[in-house]
Amino acid sequence: MILQVFVLNLAWMLALSVPMAVLSGTLMAFGRMAADSEILAAKASGVSLYRIIAPVLLVSVLLGIG
């Protein structure tokens, strides 16, 4: 009985946990880059902030569509 309830709620639990996991991972990655001054170094070498964020935006759009 308990296992059946868990299996039936698995899709709902994944629908809530995957977006939160992606958000947490993204925040941790950019937070670590900022703490290690990697974003500052990239900007100093001529890489724009939009070029750094472009892959994240692309993946977020793909996850939002799918």
PDB file of N, CA and C in Angstrom:
ATOM      1  N   MET A   1       0.831  -1.192   0.000  1.00  0.00           N
ATOM      2  CA  MET A   1       0.000   0.000   0.000  1.00  0.00           C
ATOM      3  C   MET A   1       0.876   1.256   0.000  1.00  0.00           C
ATOM      4  N   ILE A   2       1.854   1.326   0.887  1.00  0.00           N
ATOM      5  CA  ILE A   2       2.719   2.497   0.968  1.00  0.00           C
ATOM      6  C   ILE A   2       3.586   2.608  -0.282  1.00  0.00           C
ATOM      7  N   LEU A   3       4.063   1.466  -0.766  1.00  0.00           N
ATOM      8  CA  LEU A   3       4.870   1.458  -1.979  1.00  0.00           C
ATOM      9  C   LEU A   3       4.057   1.920  -3.177  1.00  0.00           C
ATOM     10  N   GLN A   4       2.811   1.546  -3.246  1.00  0.00           N
ATOM     11  CA  GLN A   4       1.952   1.965  -4.351  1.00  0.00           C
ATOM     12  C   GLN A   4       1.719   3.475  -4.313  1.00  0.00           C
ATOM     13  N   VAL A   5       1.510   4.031  -3.145  1.00  0.00           N
ATOM     14  CA  VAL A   5       1.335   5.483  -3.016  1.00  0.00           C
ATOM     15  C   VAL A   5       2.616   6.200  -3.445  1.00  0.00           C
ATOM     16  N   PHE A   6       3.757   5.661  -3.055  1.00  0.00           N
ATOM     17  CA  PHE A   6       5.027   6.256  -3.450  1.00  0.00           C
ATOM     18  C   PHE A   6       5.202   6.224  -4.963  1.00  0.00           C
ATOM     19  N   VAL A   7       4.920   5.101  -5.584  1.00  0.00           N
ATOM     20  CA  VAL A   7       5.078   4.972  -7.035  1.00  0.00           C
ATOM     21  C   VAL A   7       4.115   5.906  -7.771  1.00  0.00           C
ATOM     22  N   LEU A   8       2.901   6.017  -7.279  1.00  0.00           N
ATOM     23  CA  LEU A   8       1.919   6.883  -7.943  1.00  0.00           C
ATOM     24  C   LEU A   8       2.264   8.371  -7.789  1.00  0.00           C
ATOM     25  N   ASN A   9       2.949   8.725  -6.731  1.00  0.00           N
ATOM     26  CA  ASN A   9       3.337  10.123  -6.509  1.00  0.00           C
ATOM     27  C   ASN A   9       4.723  10.453  -7.044  1.00  0.00           C
ATOM     28  N   LEU A  10       5.401   9.481  -7.646  1.00  0.00           N
ATOM     29  CA  LEU A  10       6.769   9.687  -8.103  1.00  0.00           C
ATOM     30  C   LEU A  10       6.865  10.770  -9.180  1.00  0.00           C
ATOM     31  N   ALA A  11       5.952  10.792 -10.117  1.00  0.00           N
ATOM     32  CA  ALA A  11       5.978  11.807 -11.176  1.00  0.00           C
ATOM     33  C   ALA A  11       5.796  13.206 -10.590  1.00  0.00           C
ATOM     34  N   TRP A  12       4.899  13.336  -9.634  1.00  0.00           N
ATOM     35  CA  TRP A  12       4.674  14.632  -8.998  1.00  0.00           C
ATOM     36  C   TRP A  12       5.906  15.085  -8.222  1.00  0.00           C
ATOM     37  N   MET A  13       6.549  14.148  -7.532  1.00  0.00           N
ATOM     38  CA  MET A  13       7.752  14.487  -6.767  1.00  0.00           C
ATOM     39  C   MET A  13       8.896  14.894  -7.697  1.00  0.00           C
ATOM     40  N   LEU A  14       9.046  14.214  -8.819  1.00  0.00           N
ATOM     41  CA  LEU A  14      10.083  14.584  -9.778  1.00  0.00           C
ATOM     42  C   LEU A  14       9.802  15.945 -10.403  1.00  0.00           C
ATOM     43  N   ALA A  15       8.533  16.216 -10.683  1.00  0.00           N
ATOM     44  CA  ALA A  15       8.174  17.507 -11.263  1.00  0.00           C
ATOM     45  C   ALA A  15       8.523  18.659 -10.334  1.00  0.00           C
ATOM     46  N   LEU A  16       8.516  18.411  -9.038  1.00  0.00           N
ATOM     47  CA  LEU A  16       8.883  19.457  -8.085  1.00  0.00           C
ATOM     48  C   LEU A  16      10.378  19.493  -7.799  1.00  0.00           C
ATOM     49  N   SER A  17      11.031  18.343  -7.796  1.00  0.00           N
ATOM     50  CA  SER A  17      12.432  18.303  -7.380  1.00  0.00           C
ATOM     51  C   SER A  17      13.420  18.634  -8.486  1.00  0.00           C
ATOM     52  N   VAL A  18      13.130  18.304  -9.735  1.00  0.00           N
ATOM     53  CA  VAL A  18      14.083  18.563 -10.820  1.00  0.00           C
ATOM     54  C   VAL A  18      14.289  20.064 -11.048  1.00  0.00           C
ATOM     55  N   PRO A  19      13.244  20.881 -11.145  1.00  0.00           N
ATOM     56  CA  PRO A  19      13.507  22.321 -11.302  1.00  0.00           C
ATOM     57  C   PRO A  19      14.268  22.932 -10.121  1.00  0.00           C
ATOM     58  N   MET A  20      13.980  22.480  -8.915  1.00  0.00           N
ATOM     59  CA  MET A  20      14.695  23.000  -7.753  1.00  0.00           C
ATOM     60  C   MET A  20      16.150  22.567  -7.779  1.00  0.00           C
ATOM     61  N   ALA A  21      16.414  21.353  -8.229  1.00  0.00           N
ATOM     62  CA  ALA A  21      17.796  20.867  -8.315  1.00  0.00           C
ATOM     63  C   ALA A  21      18.577  21.647  -9.367  1.00  0.00           C
ATOM     64  N   VAL A  22      17.952  21.944 -10.492  1.00  0.00           N
ATOM     65  CA  VAL A  22      18.617  22.722 -11.544  1.00  0.00           C
ATOM     66  C   VAL A  22      18.898  24.137 -11.051  1.00  0.00           C
ATOM     67  N   LEU A  23      17.939  24.736 -10.377  1.00  0.00           N
ATOM     68  CA  LEU A  23      18.132  26.077  -9.840  1.00  0.00           C
ATOM     69  C   LEU A  23      19.249  26.099  -8.801  1.00  0.00           C
ATOM     70  N   SER A  24      19.246  25.139  -7.903  1.00  0.00           N
ATOM     71  CA  SER A  24      20.288  25.079  -6.877  1.00  0.00           C
ATOM     72  C   SER A  24      21.665  24.869  -7.495  1.00  0.00           C
ATOM     73  N   GLY A  25      21.747  23.982  -8.473  1.00  0.00           N
ATOM     74  CA  GLY A  25      23.026  23.734  -9.134  1.00  0.00           C
ATOM     75  C   GLY A  25      23.551  24.947  -9.867  1.00  0.00           C
ATOM     76  N   THR A  26      22.660  25.670 -10.533  1.00  0.00           N
ATOM     77  CA  THR A  26      23.066  26.874 -11.251  1.00  0.00           C
ATOM     78  C   THR A  26      23.541  27.952 -10.290  1.00  0.00           C
ATOM     79  N   LEU A  27      22.793  28.156  -9.220  1.00  0.00           N
ATOM     80  CA  LEU A  27      23.202  29.158  -8.228  1.00  0.00           C
ATOM     81  C   LEU A  27      24.523  28.800  -7.571  1.00  0.00           C
ATOM     82  N   MET A  28      24.725  27.515  -7.299  1.00  0.00           N
ATOM     83  CA  MET A  28      25.986  27.096  -6.689  1.00  0.00           C
ATOM     84  C   MET A  28      27.150  27.279  -7.658  1.00  0.00           C
ATOM     85  N   ALA A  29      26.925  26.975  -8.937  1.00  0.00           N
ATOM     86  CA  ALA A  29      28.001  27.107  -9.927  1.00  0.00           C
ATOM     87  C   ALA A  29      28.406  28.566 -10.110  1.00  0.00           C
ATOM     88  N   PHE A  30      27.421  29.441 -10.294  1.00  0.00           N
ATOM     89  CA  PHE A  30      27.752  30.850 -10.479  1.00  0.00           C
ATOM     90  C   PHE A  30      28.251  31.482  -9.184  1.00  0.00           C
ATOM     91  N   GLY A  31      27.763  31.020  -8.047  1.00  0.00           N
ATOM     92  CA  GLY A  31      28.274  31.516  -6.772  1.00  0.00           C
ATOM     93  C   GLY A  31      29.731  31.137  -6.568  1.00  0.00           C
ATOM     94  N   ARG A  32      30.084  29.914  -6.939  1.00  0.00           N
ATOM     95  CA  ARG A  32      31.478  29.481  -6.812  1.00  0.00           C
ATOM     96  C   ARG A  32      32.371  30.248  -7.785  1.00  0.00           C
ATOM     97  N   MET A  33      31.860  30.464  -9.010  1.00  0.00           N
ATOM     98  CA  MET A  33      32.639  31.237  -9.983  1.00  0.00           C
ATOM     99  C   MET A  33      32.871  32.664  -9.485  1.00  0.00           C
ATOM    100  N   ALA A  34      31.868  33.254  -8.860  1.00  0.00           N
ATOM    101  CA  ALA A  34      32.015  34.608  -8.335  1.00  0.00           C
ATOM    102  C   ALA A  34      32.972  34.634  -7.148  1.00  0.00           C
ATOM    103  N   ALA A  35      32.897  33.612  -6.302  1.00  0.00           N
ATOM    104  CA  ALA A  35      33.784  33.570  -5.130  1.00  0.00           C
ATOM    105  C   ALA A  35      35.237  33.385  -5.529  1.00  0.00           C
ATOM    106  N   ASP A  36      35.481  32.634  -6.580  1.00  0.00           N
ATOM    107  CA  ASP A  36      36.849  32.401  -7.053  1.00  0.00           C
ATOM    108  C   ASP A  36      37.309  33.468  -8.049  1.00  0.00           C
ATOM    109  N   SER A  37      36.521  34.495  -8.239  1.00  0.00           N
ATOM    110  CA  SER A  37      36.795  35.612  -9.158  1.00  0.00           C
ATOM    111  C   SER A  37      36.968  35.163 -10.605  1.00  0.00           C
ATOM    112  N   GLU A  38      36.349  34.056 -10.968  1.00  0.00           N
ATOM    113  CA  GLU A  38      36.428  33.596 -12.348  1.00  0.00           C
ATOM    114  C   GLU A  38      35.579  34.462 -13.275  1.00  0.00           C
ATOM    115  N   ILE A  39      34.462  34.962 -12.792  1.00  0.00           N
ATOM    116  CA  ILE A  39      33.635  35.844 -13.613  1.00  0.00           C
ATOM    117  C   ILE A  39      34.375  37.145 -13.864  1.00  0.00           C
ATOM    118  N   LEU A  40      35.027  37.660 -12.858  1.00  0.00           N
ATOM    119  CA  LEU A  40      35.810  38.884 -13.011  1.00  0.00           C
ATOM    120  C   LEU A  40      36.956  38.677 -14.000  1.00  0.00           C
ATOM    121  N   ALA A  41      37.620  37.532 -13.929  1.00  0.00           N
ATOM    122  CA  ALA A  41      38.716  37.236 -14.845  1.00  0.00           C
ATOM    123  C   ALA A  41      38.211  37.087 -16.279  1.00  0.00           C
ATOM    124  N   ALA A  42      37.055  36.469 -16.442  1.00  0.00           N
ATOM    125  CA  ALA A  42      36.487  36.328 -17.785  1.00  0.00           C
ATOM    126  C   ALA A  42      36.099  37.689 -18.358  1.00  0.00           C
ATOM    127  N   LYS A  43      35.503  38.546 -17.533  1.00  0.00           N
ATOM    128  CA  LYS A  43      35.144  39.878 -18.003  1.00  0.00           C
ATOM    129  C   LYS A  43      36.385  40.691 -18.326  1.00  0.00           C
ATOM    130  N   ALA A  44      37.461  40.523 -17.546  1.00  0.00           N
ATOM    131  CA  ALA A  44      38.696  41.261 -17.801  1.00  0.00           C
ATOM    132  C   ALA A  44      39.374  40.796 -19.091  1.00  0.00           C
ATOM    133  N   SER A  45      39.149  39.547 -19.471  1.00  0.00           N
ATOM    134  CA  SER A  45      39.757  39.044 -20.705  1.00  0.00           C
ATOM    135  C   SER A  45      38.884  39.302 -21.922  1.00  0.00           C
ATOM    136  N   GLY A  46      37.763  39.969 -21.733  1.00  0.00           N
ATOM    137  CA  GLY A  46      36.946  40.386 -22.863  1.00  0.00           C
ATOM    138  C   GLY A  46      35.698  39.566 -23.092  1.00  0.00           C
ATOM    139  N   VAL A  47      35.415  38.609 -22.244  1.00  0.00           N
ATOM    140  CA  VAL A  47      34.210  37.793 -22.400  1.00  0.00           C
ATOM    141  C   VAL A  47      33.053  38.538 -21.748  1.00  0.00           C
ATOM    142  N   SER A  48      31.979  38.726 -22.518  1.00  0.00           N
ATOM    143  CA  SER A  48      30.846  39.453 -21.964  1.00  0.00           C
ATOM    144  C   SER A  48      30.039  38.559 -21.031  1.00  0.00           C
ATOM    145  N   LEU A  49      29.295  39.189 -20.157  1.00  0.00           N
ATOM    146  CA  LEU A  49      28.469  38.456 -19.209  1.00  0.00           C
ATOM    147  C   LEU A  49      27.391  37.662 -19.939  1.00  0.00           C
ATOM    148  N   TYR A  50      26.884  38.201 -21.031  1.00  0.00           N
ATOM    149  CA  TYR A  50      25.859  37.496 -21.806  1.00  0.00           C
ATOM    150  C   TYR A  50      26.416  36.210 -22.412  1.00  0.00           C
ATOM    151  N   ARG A  51      27.674  36.210 -22.791  1.00  0.00           N
ATOM    152  CA  ARG A  51      28.294  35.002 -23.354  1.00  0.00           C
ATOM    153  C   ARG A  51      28.496  33.940 -22.268  1.00  0.00           C
ATOM    154  N   ILE A  52      28.694  34.359 -21.042  1.00  0.00           N
ATOM    155  CA  ILE A  52      28.828  33.412 -19.938  1.00  0.00           C
ATOM    156  C   ILE A  52      27.471  32.804 -19.598  1.00  0.00           C
ATOM    157  N   ILE A  53      26.427  33.606 -19.654  1.00  0.00           N
ATOM    158  CA  ILE A  53      25.097  33.165 -19.252  1.00  0.00           C
ATOM    159  C   ILE A  53      24.337  32.468 -20.379  1.00  0.00           C
ATOM    160  N   ALA A  54      24.765  32.628 -21.632  1.00  0.00           N
ATOM    161  CA  ALA A  54      24.037  32.075 -22.777  1.00  0.00           C
ATOM    162  C   ALA A  54      23.778  30.571 -22.676  1.00  0.00           C
ATOM    163  N   PRO A  55      24.759  29.728 -22.319  1.00  0.00           N
ATOM    164  CA  PRO A  55      24.448  28.293 -22.209  1.00  0.00           C
ATOM    165  C   PRO A  55      23.410  27.976 -21.138  1.00  0.00           C
ATOM    166  N   VAL A  56      23.442  28.718 -20.054  1.00  0.00           N
ATOM    167  CA  VAL A  56      22.471  28.493 -18.983  1.00  0.00           C
ATOM    168  C   VAL A  56      21.072  28.868 -19.461  1.00  0.00           C
ATOM    169  N   LEU A  57      20.957  29.965 -20.170  1.00  0.00           N
ATOM    170  CA  LEU A  57      19.657  30.368 -20.702  1.00  0.00           C
ATOM    171  C   LEU A  57      19.136  29.360 -21.720  1.00  0.00           C
ATOM    172  N   LEU A  58      20.021  28.845 -22.573  1.00  0.00           N
ATOM    173  CA  LEU A  58      19.621  27.860 -23.569  1.00  0.00           C
ATOM    174  C   LEU A  58      19.093  26.596 -22.906  1.00  0.00           C
ATOM    175  N   VAL A  59      19.791  26.099 -21.918  1.00  0.00           N
ATOM    176  CA  VAL A  59      19.359  24.879 -21.211  1.00  0.00           C
ATOM    177  C   VAL A  59      18.061  25.130 -20.464  1.00  0.00           C
ATOM    178  N   SER A  60      17.902  26.308 -19.882  1.00  0.00           N
ATOM    179  CA  SER A  60      16.673  26.607 -19.151  1.00  0.00           C
ATOM    180  C   SER A  60      15.478  26.661 -20.098  1.00  0.00           C
ATOM    181  N   VAL A  61      15.671  27.195 -21.292  1.00  0.00           N
ATOM    182  CA  VAL A  61      14.589  27.220 -22.270  1.00  0.00           C
ATOM    183  C   VAL A  61      14.236  25.796 -22.703  1.00  0.00           C
ATOM    184  N   LEU A  62      15.259  24.968 -22.945  1.00  0.00           N
ATOM    185  CA  LEU A  62      15.002  23.586 -23.341  1.00  0.00           C
ATOM    186  C   LEU A  62      14.299  22.798 -22.241  1.00  0.00           C
ATOM    187  N   LEU A  63      14.675  23.029 -20.993  1.00  0.00           N
ATOM    188  CA  LEU A  63      13.996  22.363 -19.884  1.00  0.00           C
ATOM    189  C   LEU A  63      12.562  22.880 -19.708  1.00  0.00           C
ATOM    190  N   GLY A  64      12.375  24.163 -19.985  1.00  0.00           N
ATOM    191  CA  GLY A  64      11.042  24.732 -19.864  1.00  0.00           C
ATOM    192  C   GLY A  64      10.091  24.218 -20.935  1.00  0.00           C
ATOM    193  N   ILE A  65      10.613  23.985 -22.121  1.00  0.00           N
ATOM    194  CA  ILE A  65       9.777  23.476 -23.210  1.00  0.00           C
ATOM    195  C   ILE A  65       9.444  22.003 -22.986  1.00  0.00           C
ATOM    196  N   GLY A  66      10.460  21.244 -22.569  1.00  0.00           N
ATOM    197  CA  GLY A  66      10.271  19.784 -22.425  1.00  0.00           C
ATOM    198  C   GLY A  66       9.721  19.478 -21.115  1.00  0.00           C
TER     199      GLY A  66
END
